Amino acid sequence: MATDNNKHQNKKLTIPFRTRIAVAVLNTFTDNAQRPDGSINRRLLRLVDFRAPPNPKPVNSVSTSDFVVDPSRDLWFRLFTPHVSGDRVPVVVFFHGGGFAFLSPNAYAYDSVCRRFARKIPAYVVSVNYRLAPEHRYPAQYDDGFDVVKFLEENRGKVLPANADLSRCFFAGDSAGGNIAHNVAIRVCRERCFAAVKLVGMISIQPFFGGEERTAAERSLVGMPLVSPERTDWCWRAMLPEGANREHEAAKPSVVDISGLDYPDTMVVVAGFDPLKDWQRSYYEWIKLSGKRATLVEYPNMFHAFYIFPELPEAGQLIQQIKDFVEERVGSVSA
């Protein structure tokens, strides 16, 4: 099933001045932080990496707290708690974007996004601080995500409130986070070692996938916000194993067979001015060809990561569609 949020795609991307300034700053610092030798200038990034501390006091009905899973690898998560009534509140395990190399759950943009998820869905949101490339290559990010899910399984009574229902668990992520959510879901489905955690839905927001060939979108959508072939090539070189190319299963999900797995119903979000959109559509089609259910949600006049900019009306529309997807899945598994 496909959902188109605009009847026609504009010929040119139009975004507000405030958003253009924010995107320009992000582009500039990202490009200058990505060194040609494959390393990253984290000192430079700290100049624009504004962070939000955890806040146990509810703000707009949501409080936050941080939990350490493994201090030796700085593995932790931020829990966003919605102060709502109800005895079976879903749990969303969220993986932030950033090309596997940037950002964190306490980055201001992602703290704000997860607060909106927690309040609007509503749901308990577990935002994972996974290790970053290039210091930590594949499969570190997937290992960290899986270990957080195991931690929730084994320590749910210690870290989650009594009304957090892990049998209504969703994985979610944007860009590289969508890639991580997908690969962690495959591992969870394969392991079959979870009693409390039941994965009932996947929310894949403009996931970061690729391949060696250039798609039509990558060739034609030049100068778009945040994403370019040069930037994504750098990210793949930083994250993939030494010597691997973009045909690796981390980049190209179709090389893995999921037909025999209990892979969850998936919502795939695509934007018309995202150079990665052809890979995202291919992901959606591959899920269906694998015999699984998938919904394609399209924003023809938006760009990569548009939903982290709250000034855009489409950001609010997407969160409403995510809420609808969660409610539909919860209703289906409860029936």
C-alpha atoms as a PDB file:
ATOM      1  CA  MET A   1       0.000   0.000   0.000  1.00  0.00           C
ATOM      2  CA  ALA A   2       1.295   3.460  -0.870  1.00  0.00           C
ATOM      3  CA  THR A   3       0.291   6.787   0.632  1.00  0.00           C
ATOM      4  CA  ASP A   4       1.042  10.023  -1.255  1.00  0.00           C
ATOM      5  CA  ASN A   5       0.822  13.122   0.945  1.00  0.00           C
ATOM      6  CA  ASN A   6       0.843  15.550  -1.988  1.00  0.00           C
ATOM      7  CA  LYS A   7      -0.889  15.164  -5.346  1.00  0.00           C
ATOM      8  CA  HIS A   8       2.001  16.540  -7.401  1.00  0.00           C
ATOM      9  CA  GLN A   9       5.727  16.933  -6.939  1.00  0.00           C
ATOM     10  CA  ASN A  10       7.093  20.441  -7.343  1.00  0.00           C
ATOM     11  CA  LYS A  11       9.795  20.913  -9.965  1.00  0.00           C
ATOM     12  CA  LYS A  12      11.987  22.649  -7.418  1.00  0.00           C
ATOM     13  CA  LEU A  13      12.510  22.076  -3.711  1.00  0.00           C
ATOM     14  CA  THR A  14      10.982  24.898  -1.659  1.00  0.00           C
ATOM     15  CA  ILE A  15      11.794  25.155   2.055  1.00  0.00           C
ATOM     16  CA  PRO A  16      11.510  28.011   4.576  1.00  0.00           C
ATOM     17  CA  PHE A  17      14.438  30.354   5.144  1.00  0.00           C
ATOM     18  CA  ARG A  18      14.931  29.118   8.723  1.00  0.00           C
ATOM     19  CA  THR A  19      15.243  25.539   7.491  1.00  0.00           C
ATOM     20  CA  ARG A  20      17.615  26.527   4.672  1.00  0.00           C
ATOM     21  CA  ILE A  21      19.954  28.183   7.176  1.00  0.00           C
ATOM     22  CA  ALA A  22      19.952  25.129   9.452  1.00  0.00           C
ATOM     23  CA  VAL A  23      20.608  22.809   6.509  1.00  0.00           C
ATOM     24  CA  ALA A  24      23.432  25.008   5.224  1.00  0.00           C
ATOM     25  CA  VAL A  25      25.148  24.948   8.611  1.00  0.00           C
ATOM     26  CA  LEU A  26      24.807  21.166   8.850  1.00  0.00           C
ATOM     27  CA  ASN A  27      26.134  20.685   5.317  1.00  0.00           C
ATOM     28  CA  THR A  28      29.147  22.913   5.950  1.00  0.00           C
ATOM     29  CA  PHE A  29      30.214  21.306   9.211  1.00  0.00           C
ATOM     30  CA  THR A  30      29.598  17.767   7.954  1.00  0.00           C
ATOM     31  CA  ASP A  31      31.648  18.295   4.808  1.00  0.00           C
ATOM     32  CA  ASN A  32      34.531  19.839   6.732  1.00  0.00           C
ATOM     33  CA  ALA A  33      34.480  17.123   9.398  1.00  0.00           C
ATOM     34  CA  GLN A  34      34.738  14.273   6.878  1.00  0.00           C
ATOM     35  CA  ARG A  35      38.471  14.001   6.239  1.00  0.00           C
ATOM     36  CA  PRO A  36      39.788  12.497   2.964  1.00  0.00           C
ATOM     37  CA  ASP A  37      41.730   9.847   4.912  1.00  0.00           C
ATOM     38  CA  GLY A  38      38.439   8.474   6.309  1.00  0.00           C
ATOM     39  CA  SER A  39      38.794   9.939   9.785  1.00  0.00           C
ATOM     40  CA  ILE A  40      36.438  12.494  11.299  1.00  0.00           C
ATOM     41  CA  ASN A  41      37.069  15.825  13.017  1.00  0.00           C
ATOM     42  CA  ARG A  42      34.926  15.446  16.122  1.00  0.00           C
ATOM     43  CA  ARG A  43      36.372  18.576  17.714  1.00  0.00           C
ATOM     44  CA  LEU A  44      34.906  20.611  14.848  1.00  0.00           C
ATOM     45  CA  LEU A  45      31.543  18.888  15.158  1.00  0.00           C
ATOM     46  CA  ARG A  46      31.273  19.766  18.827  1.00  0.00           C
ATOM     47  CA  LEU A  47      30.857  23.408  17.799  1.00  0.00           C
ATOM     48  CA  VAL A  48      27.365  22.627  16.465  1.00  0.00           C
ATOM     49  CA  ASP A  49      26.511  19.473  18.430  1.00  0.00           C
ATOM     50  CA  PHE A  50      24.032  21.013  20.853  1.00  0.00           C
ATOM     51  CA  ARG A  51      22.970  18.474  23.464  1.00  0.00           C
ATOM     52  CA  ALA A  52      19.976  18.146  25.757  1.00  0.00           C
ATOM     53  CA  PRO A  53      20.495  16.683  29.244  1.00  0.00           C
ATOM     54  CA  PRO A  54      18.014  14.156  30.629  1.00  0.00           C
ATOM     55  CA  ASN A  55      15.151  15.782  32.484  1.00  0.00           C
ATOM     56  CA  PRO A  56      13.207  13.767  35.088  1.00  0.00           C
ATOM     57  CA  LYS A  57      10.620  16.543  35.309  1.00  0.00           C
ATOM     58  CA  PRO A  58       7.863  16.260  32.691  1.00  0.00           C
ATOM     59  CA  VAL A  59       8.007  18.831  29.913  1.00  0.00           C
ATOM     60  CA  ASN A  60       4.892  18.750  27.737  1.00  0.00           C
ATOM     61  CA  SER A  61       3.986  15.523  29.552  1.00  0.00           C
ATOM     62  CA  VAL A  62       7.286  13.748  28.736  1.00  0.00           C
ATOM     63  CA  SER A  63      10.224  13.109  31.082  1.00  0.00           C
ATOM     64  CA  THR A  64      13.603  11.605  30.182  1.00  0.00           C
ATOM     65  CA  SER A  65      16.248   9.500  31.884  1.00  0.00           C
ATOM     66  CA  ASP A  66      19.446   7.777  30.722  1.00  0.00           C
ATOM     67  CA  PHE A  67      20.369   4.129  31.359  1.00  0.00           C
ATOM     68  CA  VAL A  68      23.825   2.610  30.909  1.00  0.00           C
ATOM     69  CA  VAL A  69      24.000  -0.820  29.270  1.00  0.00           C
ATOM     70  CA  ASP A  70      27.772  -1.248  28.891  1.00  0.00           C
ATOM     71  CA  PRO A  71      30.097   1.551  30.032  1.00  0.00           C
ATOM     72  CA  SER A  72      33.121  -0.060  28.346  1.00  0.00           C
ATOM     73  CA  ARG A  73      31.697   0.869  24.924  1.00  0.00           C
ATOM     74  CA  ASP A  74      29.588   3.860  26.003  1.00  0.00           C
ATOM     75  CA  LEU A  75      26.420   1.921  25.236  1.00  0.00           C
ATOM     76  CA  TRP A  76      23.403   3.602  26.789  1.00  0.00           C
ATOM     77  CA  PHE A  77      19.911   4.710  25.906  1.00  0.00           C
ATOM     78  CA  ARG A  78      17.615   7.592  26.706  1.00  0.00           C
ATOM     79  CA  LEU A  79      14.133   6.634  27.863  1.00  0.00           C
ATOM     80  CA  PHE A  80      11.335   9.056  26.988  1.00  0.00           C
ATOM     81  CA  THR A  81       8.422   8.519  29.335  1.00  0.00           C
ATOM     82  CA  PRO A  82       4.965   9.819  28.373  1.00  0.00           C
ATOM     83  CA  HIS A  83       2.900  10.699  31.405  1.00  0.00           C
ATOM     84  CA  VAL A  84      -0.342   9.204  30.128  1.00  0.00           C
ATOM     85  CA  SER A  85      -2.947   6.841  31.471  1.00  0.00           C
ATOM     86  CA  GLY A  86      -3.228   3.310  30.153  1.00  0.00           C
ATOM     87  CA  ASP A  87      -1.923  -0.076  31.199  1.00  0.00           C
ATOM     88  CA  ARG A  88      -0.450  -1.297  27.878  1.00  0.00           C
ATOM     89  CA  VAL A  89       1.618   1.517  26.375  1.00  0.00           C
ATOM     90  CA  PRO A  90       3.753   0.518  23.331  1.00  0.00           C
ATOM     91  CA  VAL A  91       7.560   0.670  23.385  1.00  0.00           C
ATOM     92  CA  VAL A  92       9.471   2.161  20.437  1.00  0.00           C
ATOM     93  CA  VAL A  93      13.189   1.348  20.177  1.00  0.00           C
ATOM     94  CA  PHE A  94      14.632   4.216  18.136  1.00  0.00           C
ATOM     95  CA  PHE A  95      17.920   4.517  16.246  1.00  0.00           C
ATOM     96  CA  HIS A  96      19.023   8.007  15.258  1.00  0.00           C
ATOM     97  CA  GLY A  97      20.376   8.968  11.857  1.00  0.00           C
ATOM     98  CA  GLY A  98      23.694  10.536  10.957  1.00  0.00           C
ATOM     99  CA  GLY A  99      25.386   8.317   8.392  1.00  0.00           C
ATOM    100  CA  PHE A 100      26.555   5.874  11.108  1.00  0.00           C
ATOM    101  CA  ALA A 101      29.152   8.528  12.053  1.00  0.00           C
ATOM    102  CA  PHE A 102      27.322  11.504  13.544  1.00  0.00           C
ATOM    103  CA  LEU A 103      24.919  12.532  16.315  1.00  0.00           C
ATOM    104  CA  SER A 104      23.493  10.787  19.383  1.00  0.00           C
ATOM    105  CA  PRO A 105      20.246  10.420  21.375  1.00  0.00           C
ATOM    106  CA  ASN A 106      21.037  13.574  23.360  1.00  0.00           C
ATOM    107  CA  ALA A 107      21.596  15.675  20.247  1.00  0.00           C
ATOM    108  CA  TYR A 108      19.009  18.420  20.532  1.00  0.00           C
ATOM    109  CA  ALA A 109      17.224  17.501  17.278  1.00  0.00           C
ATOM    110  CA  TYR A 110      16.785  13.848  18.238  1.00  0.00           C
ATOM    111  CA  ASP A 111      15.873  14.581  21.827  1.00  0.00           C
ATOM    112  CA  SER A 112      13.100  16.813  20.444  1.00  0.00           C
ATOM    113  CA  VAL A 113      11.937  14.259  17.866  1.00  0.00           C
ATOM    114  CA  CYS A 114      11.735  11.449  20.412  1.00  0.00           C
ATOM    115  CA  ARG A 115       9.844  13.706  22.802  1.00  0.00           C
ATOM    116  CA  ARG A 116       7.259  14.281  20.069  1.00  0.00           C
ATOM    117  CA  PHE A 117       7.029  10.536  19.402  1.00  0.00           C
ATOM    118  CA  ALA A 118       6.518   9.791  23.103  1.00  0.00           C
ATOM    119  CA  ARG A 119       3.836  12.452  23.480  1.00  0.00           C
ATOM    120  CA  LYS A 120       1.962  12.062  20.202  1.00  0.00           C
ATOM    121  CA  ILE A 121       1.853   8.284  19.702  1.00  0.00           C
ATOM    122  CA  PRO A 122       1.985   7.923  22.835  1.00  0.00           C
ATOM    123  CA  ALA A 123       4.752   5.425  23.560  1.00  0.00           C
ATOM    124  CA  TYR A 124       7.799   4.801  25.684  1.00  0.00           C
ATOM    125  CA  VAL A 125      10.724   5.634  23.408  1.00  0.00           C
ATOM    126  CA  VAL A 126      14.115   3.990  23.930  1.00  0.00           C
ATOM    127  CA  SER A 127      16.682   5.993  21.931  1.00  0.00           C
ATOM    128  CA  VAL A 128      19.929   4.028  21.507  1.00  0.00           C
ATOM    129  CA  ASN A 129      23.413   5.504  21.748  1.00  0.00           C
ATOM    130  CA  TYR A 130      25.282   3.111  19.444  1.00  0.00           C
ATOM    131  CA  ARG A 131      28.986   3.321  18.607  1.00  0.00           C
ATOM    132  CA  LEU A 132      29.905   5.520  15.661  1.00  0.00           C
ATOM    133  CA  ALA A 133      32.008   4.990  12.554  1.00  0.00           C
ATOM    134  CA  PRO A 134      34.788   5.285  11.522  1.00  0.00           C
ATOM    135  CA  GLU A 135      36.122   4.509  14.995  1.00  0.00           C
ATOM    136  CA  HIS A 136      33.771   1.507  15.114  1.00  0.00           C
ATOM    137  CA  ARG A 137      32.902  -0.306  11.902  1.00  0.00           C
ATOM    138  CA  TYR A 138      30.296  -2.921  11.013  1.00  0.00           C
ATOM    139  CA  PRO A 139      28.853  -4.758  12.868  1.00  0.00           C
ATOM    140  CA  ALA A 140      29.348  -2.573  15.985  1.00  0.00           C
ATOM    141  CA  GLN A 141      26.175  -0.535  15.400  1.00  0.00           C
ATOM    142  CA  TYR A 142      24.049  -3.663  14.943  1.00  0.00           C
ATOM    143  CA  ASP A 143      25.646  -5.375  17.952  1.00  0.00           C
ATOM    144  CA  ASP A 144      24.836  -2.370  20.128  1.00  0.00           C
ATOM    145  CA  GLY A 145      21.236  -2.222  18.968  1.00  0.00           C
ATOM    146  CA  PHE A 146      20.686  -5.925  19.588  1.00  0.00           C
ATOM    147  CA  ASP A 147      22.289  -5.725  23.037  1.00  0.00           C
ATOM    148  CA  VAL A 148      19.963  -2.891  24.055  1.00  0.00           C
ATOM    149  CA  VAL A 149      16.961  -5.023  23.077  1.00  0.00           C
ATOM    150  CA  LYS A 150      18.386  -7.920  25.136  1.00  0.00           C
ATOM    151  CA  PHE A 151      18.931  -5.522  28.037  1.00  0.00           C
ATOM    152  CA  LEU A 152      15.279  -4.476  27.885  1.00  0.00           C
ATOM    153  CA  GLU A 153      14.222  -8.123  27.818  1.00  0.00           C
ATOM    154  CA  GLU A 154      16.330  -9.006  30.852  1.00  0.00           C
ATOM    155  CA  ASN A 155      15.868  -5.812  32.894  1.00  0.00           C
ATOM    156  CA  ARG A 156      12.402  -4.593  31.942  1.00  0.00           C
ATOM    157  CA  GLY A 157      11.223  -4.447  35.555  1.00  0.00           C
ATOM    158  CA  LYS A 158      14.184  -2.255  36.521  1.00  0.00           C
ATOM    159  CA  VAL A 159      14.166   0.271  33.680  1.00  0.00           C
ATOM    160  CA  LEU A 160      10.623   0.360  32.288  1.00  0.00           C
ATOM    161  CA  PRO A 161       7.461   1.449  34.120  1.00  0.00           C
ATOM    162  CA  ALA A 162       4.863  -1.227  34.790  1.00  0.00           C
ATOM    163  CA  ASN A 163       2.564  -0.057  31.966  1.00  0.00           C
ATOM    164  CA  ALA A 164       5.297  -0.283  29.280  1.00  0.00           C
ATOM    165  CA  ASP A 165       4.226  -3.212  27.101  1.00  0.00           C
ATOM    166  CA  LEU A 166       7.164  -4.909  25.352  1.00  0.00           C
ATOM    167  CA  SER A 167       4.732  -7.242  23.590  1.00  0.00           C
ATOM    168  CA  ARG A 168       3.810  -4.111  21.609  1.00  0.00           C
ATOM    169  CA  CYS A 169       7.362  -3.280  20.565  1.00  0.00           C
ATOM    170  CA  PHE A 170       8.292  -1.266  17.489  1.00  0.00           C
ATOM    171  CA  PHE A 171      11.692  -0.531  15.972  1.00  0.00           C
ATOM    172  CA  ALA A 172      12.120   2.868  14.359  1.00  0.00           C
ATOM    173  CA  GLY A 173      14.919   4.854  12.786  1.00  0.00           C
ATOM    174  CA  ASP A 174      15.712   7.448  10.194  1.00  0.00           C
ATOM    175  CA  SER A 175      18.472   7.342   7.575  1.00  0.00           C
ATOM    176  CA  ALA A 176      21.329   5.234   9.016  1.00  0.00           C
ATOM    177  CA  GLY A 177      19.054   4.565  11.990  1.00  0.00           C
ATOM    178  CA  GLY A 178      16.521   2.977   9.629  1.00  0.00           C
ATOM    179  CA  ASN A 179      19.283   0.713   8.323  1.00  0.00           C
ATOM    180  CA  ILE A 180      20.259  -0.250  11.889  1.00  0.00           C
ATOM    181  CA  ALA A 181      16.639  -0.884  12.903  1.00  0.00           C
ATOM    182  CA  HIS A 182      16.230  -3.219   9.917  1.00  0.00           C
ATOM    183  CA  ASN A 183      19.375  -5.208  10.646  1.00  0.00           C
ATOM    184  CA  VAL A 184      18.683  -5.448  14.382  1.00  0.00           C
ATOM    185  CA  ALA A 185      15.183  -6.701  13.544  1.00  0.00           C
ATOM    186  CA  ILE A 186      16.657  -9.472  11.382  1.00  0.00           C
ATOM    187  CA  ARG A 187      18.896 -10.552  14.255  1.00  0.00           C
ATOM    188  CA  VAL A 188      16.026 -10.472  16.752  1.00  0.00           C
ATOM    189  CA  CYS A 189      13.893 -12.584  14.403  1.00  0.00           C
ATOM    190  CA  ARG A 190      16.715 -15.092  13.898  1.00  0.00           C
ATOM    191  CA  GLU A 191      17.702 -15.454  17.555  1.00  0.00           C
ATOM    192  CA  ARG A 192      14.219 -16.291  18.859  1.00  0.00           C
ATOM    193  CA  CYS A 193      15.448 -15.800  22.428  1.00  0.00           C
ATOM    194  CA  PHE A 194      12.922 -13.185  23.508  1.00  0.00           C
ATOM    195  CA  ALA A 195       9.894 -13.864  25.674  1.00  0.00           C
ATOM    196  CA  ALA A 196       8.785 -10.348  26.655  1.00  0.00           C
ATOM    197  CA  VAL A 197       9.838  -8.460  23.517  1.00  0.00           C
ATOM    198  CA  LYS A 198       7.437  -8.982  20.612  1.00  0.00           C
ATOM    199  CA  LEU A 199       8.366  -6.981  17.537  1.00  0.00           C
ATOM    200  CA  VAL A 200       5.089  -5.963  15.915  1.00  0.00           C
ATOM    201  CA  GLY A 201       6.113  -3.109  13.609  1.00  0.00           C
ATOM    202  CA  MET A 202       8.985  -1.368  11.840  1.00  0.00           C
ATOM    203  CA  ILE A 203       9.011   2.406  11.194  1.00  0.00           C
ATOM    204  CA  SER A 204      11.661   3.032   8.545  1.00  0.00           C
ATOM    205  CA  ILE A 205      12.043   6.757   7.876  1.00  0.00           C
ATOM    206  CA  GLN A 206      14.075   7.377   4.714  1.00  0.00           C
ATOM    207  CA  PRO A 207      16.447   4.486   5.487  1.00  0.00           C
ATOM    208  CA  PHE A 208      20.057   4.650   4.328  1.00  0.00           C
ATOM    209  CA  PHE A 209      20.708   1.832   1.863  1.00  0.00           C
ATOM    210  CA  GLY A 210      22.789   1.720  -1.284  1.00  0.00           C
ATOM    211  CA  GLY A 211      24.723  -0.210  -3.901  1.00  0.00           C
ATOM    212  CA  GLU A 212      27.616   0.193  -6.289  1.00  0.00           C
ATOM    213  CA  GLU A 213      25.515   1.486  -9.197  1.00  0.00           C
ATOM    214  CA  ARG A 214      24.167   5.035  -9.189  1.00  0.00           C
ATOM    215  CA  THR A 215      20.382   5.285  -9.287  1.00  0.00           C
ATOM    216  CA  ALA A 216      18.429   7.798 -11.341  1.00  0.00           C
ATOM    217  CA  ALA A 217      17.687   9.820  -8.197  1.00  0.00           C
ATOM    218  CA  GLU A 218      21.350   9.910  -7.185  1.00  0.00           C
ATOM    219  CA  ARG A 219      22.293  11.157 -10.653  1.00  0.00           C
ATOM    220  CA  SER A 220      19.527  13.741 -11.020  1.00  0.00           C
ATOM    221  CA  LEU A 221      18.986  15.148  -7.519  1.00  0.00           C
ATOM    222  CA  VAL A 222      22.127  17.249  -7.275  1.00  0.00           C
ATOM    223  CA  GLY A 223      22.617  19.828  -4.538  1.00  0.00           C
ATOM    224  CA  MET A 224      19.887  18.473  -2.253  1.00  0.00           C
ATOM    225  CA  PRO A 225      20.004  19.085   1.531  1.00  0.00           C
ATOM    226  CA  LEU A 226      22.201  16.820   3.646  1.00  0.00           C
ATOM    227  CA  VAL A 227      22.677  13.973   1.143  1.00  0.00           C
ATOM    228  CA  SER A 228      24.963  13.668  -1.882  1.00  0.00           C
ATOM    229  CA  PRO A 229      26.791  10.696  -3.445  1.00  0.00           C
ATOM    230  CA  GLU A 230      30.084  12.082  -2.150  1.00  0.00           C
ATOM    231  CA  ARG A 231      28.793  12.250   1.437  1.00  0.00           C
ATOM    232  CA  THR A 232      27.134   8.845   1.359  1.00  0.00           C
ATOM    233  CA  ASP A 233      30.199   7.216  -0.258  1.00  0.00           C
ATOM    234  CA  TRP A 234      32.313   8.566   2.607  1.00  0.00           C
ATOM    235  CA  CYS A 235      29.866   7.164   5.157  1.00  0.00           C
ATOM    236  CA  TRP A 236      29.885   3.711   3.570  1.00  0.00           C
ATOM    237  CA  ARG A 237      33.689   3.663   3.459  1.00  0.00           C
ATOM    238  CA  ALA A 238      33.727   4.636   7.148  1.00  0.00           C
ATOM    239  CA  MET A 239      31.197   2.010   8.259  1.00  0.00           C
ATOM    240  CA  LEU A 240      31.656  -1.083   6.064  1.00  0.00           C
ATOM    241  CA  PRO A 241      34.369  -3.675   6.780  1.00  0.00           C
ATOM    242  CA  GLU A 242      37.767  -2.913   5.275  1.00  0.00           C
ATOM    243  CA  GLY A 243      37.763  -3.992   1.636  1.00  0.00           C
ATOM    244  CA  ALA A 244      33.958  -4.301   1.346  1.00  0.00           C
ATOM    245  CA  ASN A 245      31.953  -2.373  -1.220  1.00  0.00           C
ATOM    246  CA  ARG A 246      28.340  -1.220  -1.294  1.00  0.00           C
ATOM    247  CA  GLU A 247      27.107  -4.646  -2.399  1.00  0.00           C
ATOM    248  CA  HIS A 248      27.663  -5.752   1.214  1.00  0.00           C
ATOM    249  CA  GLU A 249      24.523  -6.860   3.087  1.00  0.00           C
ATOM    250  CA  ALA A 250      24.795  -3.855   5.416  1.00  0.00           C
ATOM    251  CA  ALA A 251      24.231  -1.561   2.438  1.00  0.00           C
ATOM    252  CA  LYS A 252      22.027  -3.731   0.251  1.00  0.00           C
ATOM    253  CA  PRO A 253      19.305  -5.596   2.178  1.00  0.00           C
ATOM    254  CA  SER A 254      18.135  -7.634  -0.817  1.00  0.00           C
ATOM    255  CA  VAL A 255      21.192  -9.927  -0.579  1.00  0.00           C
ATOM    256  CA  VAL A 256      19.663 -11.416   2.614  1.00  0.00           C
ATOM    257  CA  ASP A 257      16.713 -13.817   2.566  1.00  0.00           C
ATOM    258  CA  ILE A 258      14.050 -12.867   5.132  1.00  0.00           C
ATOM    259  CA  SER A 259      11.236 -14.944   3.639  1.00  0.00           C
ATOM    260  CA  GLY A 260      11.451 -17.489   6.465  1.00  0.00           C
ATOM    261  CA  LEU A 261      11.611 -14.925   9.251  1.00  0.00           C
ATOM    262  CA  ASP A 262       8.764 -13.390  11.224  1.00  0.00           C
ATOM    263  CA  TYR A 263       9.765  -9.959   9.960  1.00  0.00           C
ATOM    264  CA  PRO A 264       7.374  -7.239  11.177  1.00  0.00           C
ATOM    265  CA  ASP A 265       4.949  -5.142   9.156  1.00  0.00           C
ATOM    266  CA  THR A 266       6.908  -2.148   7.918  1.00  0.00           C
ATOM    267  CA  MET A 267       6.178   1.496   7.178  1.00  0.00           C
ATOM    268  CA  VAL A 268       8.706   2.961   4.711  1.00  0.00           C
ATOM    269  CA  VAL A 269       8.881   6.751   4.353  1.00  0.00           C
ATOM    270  CA  VAL A 270      10.236   8.276   1.128  1.00  0.00           C
ATOM    271  CA  ALA A 271      10.719  11.916   0.092  1.00  0.00           C
ATOM    272  CA  GLY A 272      10.701  13.197  -3.472  1.00  0.00           C
ATOM    273  CA  PHE A 273      13.865  15.299  -3.174  1.00  0.00           C
ATOM    274  CA  ASP A 274      15.899  12.651  -1.355  1.00  0.00           C
ATOM    275  CA  PRO A 275      18.709  11.235  -3.554  1.00  0.00           C
ATOM    276  CA  LEU A 276      18.326   7.945  -1.644  1.00  0.00           C
ATOM    277  CA  LYS A 277      14.669   7.514  -2.572  1.00  0.00           C
ATOM    278  CA  ASP A 278      15.252   4.842  -5.243  1.00  0.00           C
ATOM    279  CA  TRP A 279      17.080   2.631  -2.741  1.00  0.00           C
ATOM    280  CA  GLN A 280      14.246   3.171  -0.251  1.00  0.00           C
ATOM    281  CA  ARG A 281      11.621   2.206  -2.816  1.00  0.00           C
ATOM    282  CA  SER A 282      13.659  -0.892  -3.655  1.00  0.00           C
ATOM    283  CA  TYR A 283      13.693  -1.773   0.043  1.00  0.00           C
ATOM    284  CA  TYR A 284       9.904  -1.448   0.191  1.00  0.00           C
ATOM    285  CA  GLU A 285       9.467  -3.627  -2.909  1.00  0.00           C
ATOM    286  CA  TRP A 286      11.924  -6.224  -1.592  1.00  0.00           C
ATOM    287  CA  ILE A 287      10.008  -6.531   1.689  1.00  0.00           C
ATOM    288  CA  LYS A 288       6.822  -7.250  -0.267  1.00  0.00           C
ATOM    289  CA  LEU A 289       8.588  -9.709  -2.584  1.00  0.00           C
ATOM    290  CA  SER A 290       9.815 -11.485   0.543  1.00  0.00           C
ATOM    291  CA  GLY A 291       6.189 -12.137   1.482  1.00  0.00           C
ATOM    292  CA  LYS A 292       5.977  -9.475   4.196  1.00  0.00           C
ATOM    293  CA  ARG A 293       3.594  -6.553   4.607  1.00  0.00           C
ATOM    294  CA  ALA A 294       4.830  -3.057   3.852  1.00  0.00           C
ATOM    295  CA  THR A 295       3.326   0.406   3.494  1.00  0.00           C
ATOM    296  CA  LEU A 296       4.987   3.134   1.434  1.00  0.00           C
ATOM    297  CA  VAL A 297       4.434   6.690   2.683  1.00  0.00           C
ATOM    298  CA  GLU A 298       5.508   9.358   0.209  1.00  0.00           C
ATOM    299  CA  TYR A 299       6.265  13.051   0.672  1.00  0.00           C
ATOM    300  CA  PRO A 300       7.005  14.184  -2.906  1.00  0.00           C
ATOM    301  CA  ASN A 301       7.967  17.743  -1.959  1.00  0.00           C
ATOM    302  CA  MET A 302      10.252  16.961   0.979  1.00  0.00           C
ATOM    303  CA  PHE A 303      13.964  16.176   1.400  1.00  0.00           C
ATOM    304  CA  HIS A 304      16.121  13.802   3.449  1.00  0.00           C
ATOM    305  CA  ALA A 305      15.495  14.075   7.214  1.00  0.00           C
ATOM    306  CA  PHE A 306      12.755  16.689   6.750  1.00  0.00           C
ATOM    307  CA  TYR A 307      10.872  15.451   9.802  1.00  0.00           C
ATOM    308  CA  ILE A 308      13.511  16.686  12.285  1.00  0.00           C
ATOM    309  CA  PHE A 309      12.570  20.263  11.354  1.00  0.00           C
ATOM    310  CA  PRO A 310       9.407  20.970  13.386  1.00  0.00           C
ATOM    311  CA  GLU A 311       8.684  24.194  11.498  1.00  0.00           C
ATOM    312  CA  LEU A 312       7.704  22.104   8.450  1.00  0.00           C
ATOM    313  CA  PRO A 313       4.011  21.101   8.368  1.00  0.00           C
ATOM    314  CA  GLU A 314       5.002  17.775   6.832  1.00  0.00           C
ATOM    315  CA  ALA A 315       6.957  16.913   9.996  1.00  0.00           C
ATOM    316  CA  GLY A 316       3.746  16.989  12.004  1.00  0.00           C
ATOM    317  CA  GLN A 317       1.893  15.067   9.295  1.00  0.00           C
ATOM    318  CA  LEU A 318       4.455  12.274   9.402  1.00  0.00           C
ATOM    319  CA  ILE A 319       4.245  11.901  13.167  1.00  0.00           C
ATOM    320  CA  GLN A 320       0.472  11.600  12.836  1.00  0.00           C
ATOM    321  CA  GLN A 321       0.926   8.848  10.222  1.00  0.00           C
ATOM    322  CA  ILE A 322       3.370   7.055  12.497  1.00  0.00           C
ATOM    323  CA  LYS A 323       0.773   7.275  15.289  1.00  0.00           C
ATOM    324  CA  ASP A 324      -1.824   5.795  12.926  1.00  0.00           C
ATOM    325  CA  PHE A 325       0.524   2.956  11.948  1.00  0.00           C
ATOM    326  CA  VAL A 326       1.261   2.129  15.595  1.00  0.00           C
ATOM    327  CA  GLU A 327      -2.448   2.137  16.468  1.00  0.00           C
ATOM    328  CA  GLU A 328      -3.258  -0.100  13.504  1.00  0.00           C
ATOM    329  CA  ARG A 329      -0.561  -2.613  14.414  1.00  0.00           C
ATOM    330  CA  VAL A 330      -1.477  -2.614  18.116  1.00  0.00           C
ATOM    331  CA  GLY A 331      -5.108  -3.158  17.193  1.00  0.00           C
ATOM    332  CA  SER A 332      -4.176  -5.996  14.859  1.00  0.00           C
ATOM    333  CA  VAL A 333      -2.064  -7.925  17.375  1.00  0.00           C
ATOM    334  CA  SER A 334      -4.629  -7.363  20.126  1.00  0.00           C
ATOM    335  CA  ALA A 335      -7.525  -8.661  18.053  1.00  0.00           C
END
